[in-house]
Amino acid sequence: MSASTGKRIVFTGGSGKAGRHVIPELVKRGHKVLNLDLVPLDNPDVFTLKTDLTDSGQVFNAMTTHFNYAGYEGLDIPRAPDVVIHFAAYARNMLVPDNECFKGNVTATYNVIEAACKLGVKKIVIASSETTYGVCFAQGDSDYDYFPLEEDYDVNPMDTYALSKLCGERTARTFAQRFGADIYAFRIGNVIEPHEYERDFPAYVNKPMTRKRNAWSYIDARDLGQLCDLAIQKSGLGFQVFNATNDTITTKEPTEEFLKNACPNTPIKRKMGEWEAPLSNRKAREVLEFKEEHDWRKYYKP
């Protein structure tokens, strides 16, 4: 698919930290987007429909509505979108009590995937998380089993947020099998907005052990938008998991040198690229043909 053949996309959670950068990237590439969220998105090109995703009826209805008021001017009745991208969630632990985090995230993801599949949508992208690799919200200091962290890793987290994301992945796999849909789960790394490089990267780079819980990896929010577009273009894969990260480690030292010093008890299972991110995006590069545009070194010089 090229930008000239843009898709109609229902995007959940587009007013959040990642979504407010991802949606402009999709619009720039020729797609038409309806944002489902509880708060409006400050973007004149995108209508926000206030939707409680834990209410299945609202989700079904929202996926069969006009994308803006201009929809009433023609003769076409509302119909299901071409693509659903589901980013809405409690974004971490301790925003709400754990049981509400689990209930809200799992129920919303189930409702969105079920509605999309039963309405005939064949391309769905959902937001999973780096936290599924088990260290981000571990109790105390915890080591990864090995490096690099790739999609076949035995994910076994101990926190509620990550558990809710694993339930979302399993839900996606179930519905992809039943309905023959392509459902791609993005294990999204630490999302970085453009203004955060100058503010945050001096500490990230100069105090690298503060980044262990994020596996010394990140995803530029704009590059995440590119990844979503690439996922829209790539069809026929069924259920897939992709690490959604940028290419390189956020350290001054090359990857293997740094990891051997920082994590001496954690094996490195394969030869890694000189500066390859420990939360590796190799699969996204090879399968989706992802080429990052926003290397952190463009914005901060250590």
Protein backbone atom coordinates (compact mmCIF):
# COMPACT_ATOMS: atom_id res chain seq x y z
CA MET A 1 0.00 0.00 0.00
CA SER A 2 1.25 3.47 -0.80
CA ALA A 3 0.29 6.76 0.76
CA SER A 4 -2.04 7.38 -2.18
CA THR A 5 -4.17 4.41 -1.11
CA GLY A 6 -4.69 5.41 2.51
CA LYS A 7 -6.85 3.36 4.86
CA ARG A 8 -9.68 4.28 7.20
CA ILE A 9 -8.25 3.68 10.66
CA VAL A 10 -9.95 3.57 14.05
CA PHE A 11 -7.23 4.40 16.57
CA THR A 12 -7.83 3.96 20.30
CA GLY A 13 -5.91 6.02 22.82
CA GLY A 14 -4.74 8.54 20.26
CA SER A 15 -4.67 11.38 22.78
CA GLY A 16 -1.97 9.69 24.86
CA LYS A 17 1.80 10.10 24.86
CA ALA A 18 2.42 7.79 21.90
CA GLY A 19 -0.82 8.29 20.02
CA ARG A 20 -0.56 12.04 19.69
CA HIS A 21 2.61 11.53 17.64
CA VAL A 22 1.64 8.32 15.87
CA ILE A 23 -1.61 9.70 14.45
CA PRO A 24 0.04 12.64 12.61
CA GLU A 25 2.47 10.17 11.05
CA LEU A 26 -0.46 8.10 9.79
CA VAL A 27 -2.30 11.16 8.48
CA LYS A 28 0.89 12.32 6.76
CA ARG A 29 1.00 8.98 4.95
CA GLY A 30 -2.48 9.40 3.53
CA HIS A 31 -4.62 7.59 6.09
CA LYS A 32 -7.90 8.83 7.55
CA VAL A 33 -8.13 8.41 11.33
CA LEU A 34 -10.89 8.40 13.94
CA ASN A 35 -9.60 8.66 17.50
CA LEU A 36 -11.44 6.83 20.29
CA ASP A 37 -10.43 8.28 23.64
CA LEU A 38 -11.84 9.83 26.79
CA VAL A 39 -10.10 13.16 26.14
CA PRO A 40 -9.82 15.03 22.83
CA LEU A 41 -6.74 15.01 20.62
CA ASP A 42 -5.41 18.46 19.77
CA ASN A 43 -5.33 17.83 16.03
CA PRO A 44 -7.72 19.62 13.63
CA ASP A 45 -7.45 16.78 11.10
CA VAL A 46 -8.70 14.08 13.49
CA PHE A 47 -12.05 13.78 15.24
CA THR A 48 -12.13 12.28 18.75
CA LEU A 49 -15.16 10.21 19.73
CA LYS A 50 -15.40 9.87 23.50
CA THR A 51 -15.65 6.13 24.04
CA ASP A 52 -15.50 3.83 27.06
CA LEU A 53 -13.70 0.82 25.64
CA THR A 54 -14.71 -1.37 28.57
CA ASP A 55 -18.29 -1.13 27.28
CA SER A 56 -18.62 -3.58 24.38
CA GLY A 57 -21.67 -1.82 22.99
CA GLN A 58 -19.85 1.49 22.77
CA VAL A 59 -16.93 -0.19 21.00
CA PHE A 60 -19.11 -1.86 18.35
CA ASN A 61 -20.97 1.41 17.82
CA ALA A 62 -17.82 3.53 17.64
CA MET A 63 -16.39 1.25 14.96
CA THR A 64 -19.42 1.82 12.78
CA THR A 65 -19.74 5.59 12.96
CA HIS A 66 -18.75 8.50 10.76
CA PHE A 67 -15.17 9.73 11.13
CA ASN A 68 -16.36 13.35 11.41
CA TYR A 69 -19.42 15.52 10.78
CA ALA A 70 -18.67 15.61 7.06
CA GLY A 71 -19.88 12.02 6.95
CA TYR A 72 -23.45 13.27 7.12
CA GLU A 73 -23.12 15.25 3.91
CA GLY A 74 -23.00 12.29 1.54
CA LEU A 75 -25.13 9.22 0.99
CA ASP A 76 -22.66 6.67 2.42
CA ILE A 77 -23.80 5.15 5.68
CA PRO A 78 -21.27 4.45 8.45
CA ARG A 79 -19.26 1.25 8.02
CA ALA A 80 -16.45 -0.62 9.73
CA PRO A 81 -12.90 0.69 9.24
CA ASP A 82 -10.16 -0.94 7.21
CA VAL A 83 -7.74 -1.04 10.15
CA VAL A 84 -7.96 -0.87 13.94
CA ILE A 85 -4.96 0.25 16.01
CA HIS A 86 -5.46 -0.22 19.75
CA PHE A 87 -3.17 1.81 22.01
CA ALA A 88 -5.63 2.81 24.75
CA ALA A 89 -4.77 1.48 28.21
CA TYR A 90 -3.75 2.33 31.71
CA ALA A 91 -0.16 3.00 30.68
CA ARG A 92 1.62 1.62 33.75
CA ASN A 93 1.13 0.33 37.25
CA MET A 94 -0.04 2.60 40.09
CA LEU A 95 -2.27 4.88 38.04
CA VAL A 96 -5.19 2.94 39.50
CA PRO A 97 -5.33 -0.06 41.85
CA ASP A 98 -3.90 -3.23 40.33
CA ASN A 99 -7.23 -5.00 39.88
CA GLU A 100 -8.62 -2.01 37.96
CA CYS A 101 -5.50 -1.86 35.77
CA PHE A 102 -5.93 -5.52 34.91
CA LYS A 103 -9.68 -5.34 34.42
CA GLY A 104 -9.59 -2.18 32.35
CA ASN A 105 -6.74 -3.17 30.07
CA VAL A 106 -7.83 -6.75 29.47
CA THR A 107 -11.50 -5.91 28.97
CA ALA A 108 -10.79 -3.03 26.61
CA THR A 109 -8.41 -5.10 24.51
CA TYR A 110 -10.88 -7.98 24.33
CA ASN A 111 -13.71 -5.65 23.34
CA VAL A 112 -11.69 -3.88 20.65
CA ILE A 113 -10.38 -7.08 19.06
CA GLU A 114 -13.74 -8.85 19.25
CA ALA A 115 -15.63 -5.94 17.68
CA ALA A 116 -13.04 -5.48 14.93
CA CYS A 117 -13.02 -9.15 14.01
CA LYS A 118 -16.79 -9.58 14.10
CA LEU A 119 -17.17 -6.48 11.93
CA GLY A 120 -14.83 -7.99 9.36
CA VAL A 121 -11.69 -5.93 9.99
CA LYS A 122 -8.69 -7.93 8.77
CA LYS A 123 -5.82 -5.76 10.05
CA ILE A 124 -5.43 -4.97 13.73
CA VAL A 125 -2.42 -3.63 15.61
CA ILE A 126 -2.35 -3.70 19.41
CA ALA A 127 0.04 -2.17 21.90
CA SER A 128 1.83 -4.69 24.07
CA SER A 129 4.84 -3.64 26.12
CA GLU A 130 8.53 -3.91 26.93
CA THR A 131 7.38 -4.72 30.47
CA THR A 132 6.44 -8.25 29.39
CA TYR A 133 10.17 -9.11 29.43
CA GLY A 134 9.92 -9.05 33.21
CA VAL A 135 12.45 -6.51 34.51
CA CYS A 136 10.73 -3.16 34.07
CA PHE A 137 8.34 -3.56 37.01
CA ALA A 138 10.11 -6.42 38.78
CA GLN A 139 10.17 -6.45 42.57
CA GLY A 140 13.74 -5.48 43.39
CA ASP A 141 16.72 -5.78 41.07
CA SER A 142 16.15 -8.50 38.50
CA ASP A 143 18.23 -9.78 35.60
CA TYR A 144 17.12 -10.64 32.09
CA ASP A 145 17.50 -14.31 31.18
CA TYR A 146 19.71 -13.50 28.20
CA PHE A 147 20.37 -10.94 25.47
CA PRO A 148 19.15 -9.89 23.02
CA LEU A 149 15.50 -9.71 24.03
CA GLU A 150 13.58 -11.01 21.04
CA GLU A 151 10.04 -12.10 20.40
CA ASP A 152 10.61 -15.79 21.22
CA TYR A 153 11.77 -14.94 24.76
CA ASP A 154 9.90 -16.76 27.56
CA VAL A 155 8.12 -13.69 28.89
CA ASN A 156 7.25 -14.18 32.56
CA PRO A 157 6.65 -10.85 34.32
CA MET A 158 5.60 -10.45 37.94
CA ASP A 159 3.53 -7.25 37.72
CA THR A 160 -0.09 -6.56 36.89
CA TYR A 161 0.41 -4.16 33.99
CA ALA A 162 2.67 -6.55 32.09
CA LEU A 163 0.30 -9.41 32.85
CA SER A 164 -2.55 -7.43 31.31
CA LYS A 165 -0.45 -6.96 28.18
CA LEU A 166 0.28 -10.67 27.92
CA CYS A 167 -3.46 -11.34 28.17
CA GLY A 168 -3.90 -8.93 25.26
CA GLU A 169 -1.37 -10.86 23.19
CA ARG A 170 -3.16 -14.14 23.89
CA THR A 171 -6.51 -12.56 23.02
CA ALA A 172 -5.04 -11.35 19.74
CA ARG A 173 -3.68 -14.79 18.92
CA THR A 174 -7.04 -16.42 19.65
CA PHE A 175 -9.05 -14.08 17.43
CA ALA A 176 -6.47 -14.10 14.63
CA GLN A 177 -6.79 -17.88 14.46
CA ARG A 178 -10.58 -17.90 14.55
CA PHE A 179 -11.24 -15.05 12.12
CA GLY A 180 -8.22 -15.30 9.81
CA ALA A 181 -7.21 -11.73 10.63
CA ASP A 182 -3.75 -10.21 10.78
CA ILE A 183 -3.24 -9.06 14.36
CA TYR A 184 0.19 -7.69 15.20
CA ALA A 185 1.18 -7.02 18.81
CA PHE A 186 3.86 -4.36 19.27
CA ARG A 187 5.96 -4.79 22.41
CA ILE A 188 6.57 -1.08 22.63
CA GLY A 189 9.75 0.19 24.23
CA ASN A 190 10.09 3.32 26.34
CA VAL A 191 8.32 5.95 24.22
CA ILE A 192 10.34 9.12 23.65
CA GLU A 193 8.72 12.36 22.50
CA PRO A 194 10.80 14.90 20.54
CA HIS A 195 11.22 17.31 23.45
CA GLU A 196 12.46 14.56 25.77
CA TYR A 197 15.86 14.04 24.15
CA GLU A 198 17.33 17.29 25.42
CA ARG A 199 15.66 16.95 28.79
CA ASP A 200 16.18 13.28 29.61
CA PHE A 201 18.99 11.75 27.56
CA PRO A 202 21.90 13.36 29.45
CA ALA A 203 20.84 11.33 32.50
CA TYR A 204 19.97 8.23 30.46
CA VAL A 205 23.36 8.13 28.78
CA ASN A 206 25.55 9.26 31.66
CA LYS A 207 23.83 7.16 34.32
CA PRO A 208 23.14 4.03 32.27
CA MET A 209 22.14 1.72 35.11
CA THR A 210 19.01 3.83 35.57
CA ARG A 211 17.94 2.40 32.20
CA LYS A 212 18.22 -1.29 33.04
CA ARG A 213 14.47 -1.61 33.49
CA ASN A 214 14.02 -0.35 29.92
CA ALA A 215 16.80 -2.60 28.59
CA TRP A 216 18.75 0.46 27.44
CA SER A 217 16.29 0.76 24.55
CA TYR A 218 13.60 3.19 23.40
CA ILE A 219 11.17 4.00 20.58
CA ASP A 220 10.81 7.46 19.13
CA ALA A 221 7.09 8.21 19.04
CA ARG A 222 7.34 9.30 15.39
CA ASP A 223 9.14 6.11 14.40
CA LEU A 224 6.36 4.21 16.13
CA GLY A 225 4.00 5.89 13.68
CA GLN A 226 6.13 4.63 10.81
CA LEU A 227 5.98 1.11 12.30
CA CYS A 228 2.19 1.27 12.41
CA ASP A 229 2.11 2.28 8.75
CA LEU A 230 4.45 -0.57 7.83
CA ALA A 231 2.22 -3.00 9.71
CA ILE A 232 -0.75 -1.77 7.69
CA GLN A 233 1.16 -2.44 4.48
CA LYS A 234 2.35 -5.94 5.44
CA SER A 235 -0.45 -8.49 5.23
CA GLY A 236 -0.85 -12.23 5.45
CA LEU A 237 1.16 -12.86 8.63
CA GLY A 238 -1.70 -13.81 10.97
CA PHE A 239 -0.79 -13.25 14.60
CA GLN A 240 2.65 -11.77 15.14
CA VAL A 241 4.62 -10.11 17.92
CA PHE A 242 7.12 -7.37 17.07
CA ASN A 243 9.44 -5.48 19.37
CA ALA A 244 8.77 -1.82 18.64
CA THR A 245 12.08 -0.13 19.38
CA ASN A 246 14.68 1.97 17.66
CA ASP A 247 17.89 0.41 16.42
CA THR A 248 20.52 1.31 18.98
CA ILE A 249 21.47 1.05 22.63
CA THR A 250 21.35 4.24 24.73
CA THR A 251 24.93 4.01 26.01
CA LYS A 252 28.37 5.39 25.16
CA GLU A 253 29.84 1.90 24.87
CA PRO A 254 29.08 -0.65 22.13
CA THR A 255 26.37 -3.13 23.04
CA GLU A 256 28.26 -6.31 23.88
CA GLU A 257 31.01 -4.46 25.73
CA PHE A 258 28.46 -2.62 27.83
CA LEU A 259 26.29 -5.68 28.57
CA LYS A 260 29.24 -7.84 29.62
CA ASN A 261 30.21 -5.21 32.19
CA ALA A 262 26.72 -4.20 33.34
CA CYS A 263 25.19 -7.68 33.39
CA PRO A 264 28.09 -10.14 33.82
CA ASN A 265 25.81 -13.05 34.73
CA THR A 266 23.49 -12.65 31.74
CA PRO A 267 24.53 -14.58 28.63
CA ILE A 268 24.53 -13.11 25.13
CA LYS A 269 22.98 -15.77 22.91
CA ARG A 270 24.00 -14.49 19.50
CA LYS A 271 26.39 -12.03 17.95
CA MET A 272 24.82 -8.59 18.29
CA GLY A 273 25.29 -5.56 16.10
CA GLU A 274 27.91 -3.12 17.38
CA TRP A 275 25.29 -0.70 18.76
CA GLU A 276 22.20 -2.96 18.58
CA ALA A 277 19.49 -2.25 21.15
CA PRO A 278 19.26 -5.07 23.74
CA LEU A 279 15.48 -5.01 23.17
CA SER A 280 16.13 -5.85 19.56
CA ASN A 281 14.01 -4.72 16.63
CA ARG A 282 15.67 -7.14 14.21
CA LYS A 283 12.36 -8.81 13.35
CA ALA A 284 10.69 -5.47 12.58
CA ARG A 285 13.61 -4.50 10.36
CA GLU A 286 13.62 -7.80 8.50
CA VAL A 287 9.87 -8.48 8.22
CA LEU A 288 8.33 -4.99 8.15
CA GLU A 289 11.38 -3.32 6.57
CA PHE A 290 11.53 -0.74 9.34
CA LYS A 291 14.22 1.91 8.92
CA GLU A 292 14.46 4.28 11.85
CA GLU A 293 14.42 8.01 11.18
CA HIS A 294 15.11 9.26 14.71
CA ASP A 295 18.33 7.90 16.16
CA TRP A 296 18.82 9.46 19.58
CA ARG A 297 22.31 10.59 18.59
CA LYS A 298 20.74 13.09 16.18
CA TYR A 299 19.31 14.97 19.15
CA TYR A 300 21.85 14.43 21.93
CA LYS A 301 25.61 14.22 21.55
CA PRO A 302 27.20 12.41 24.52
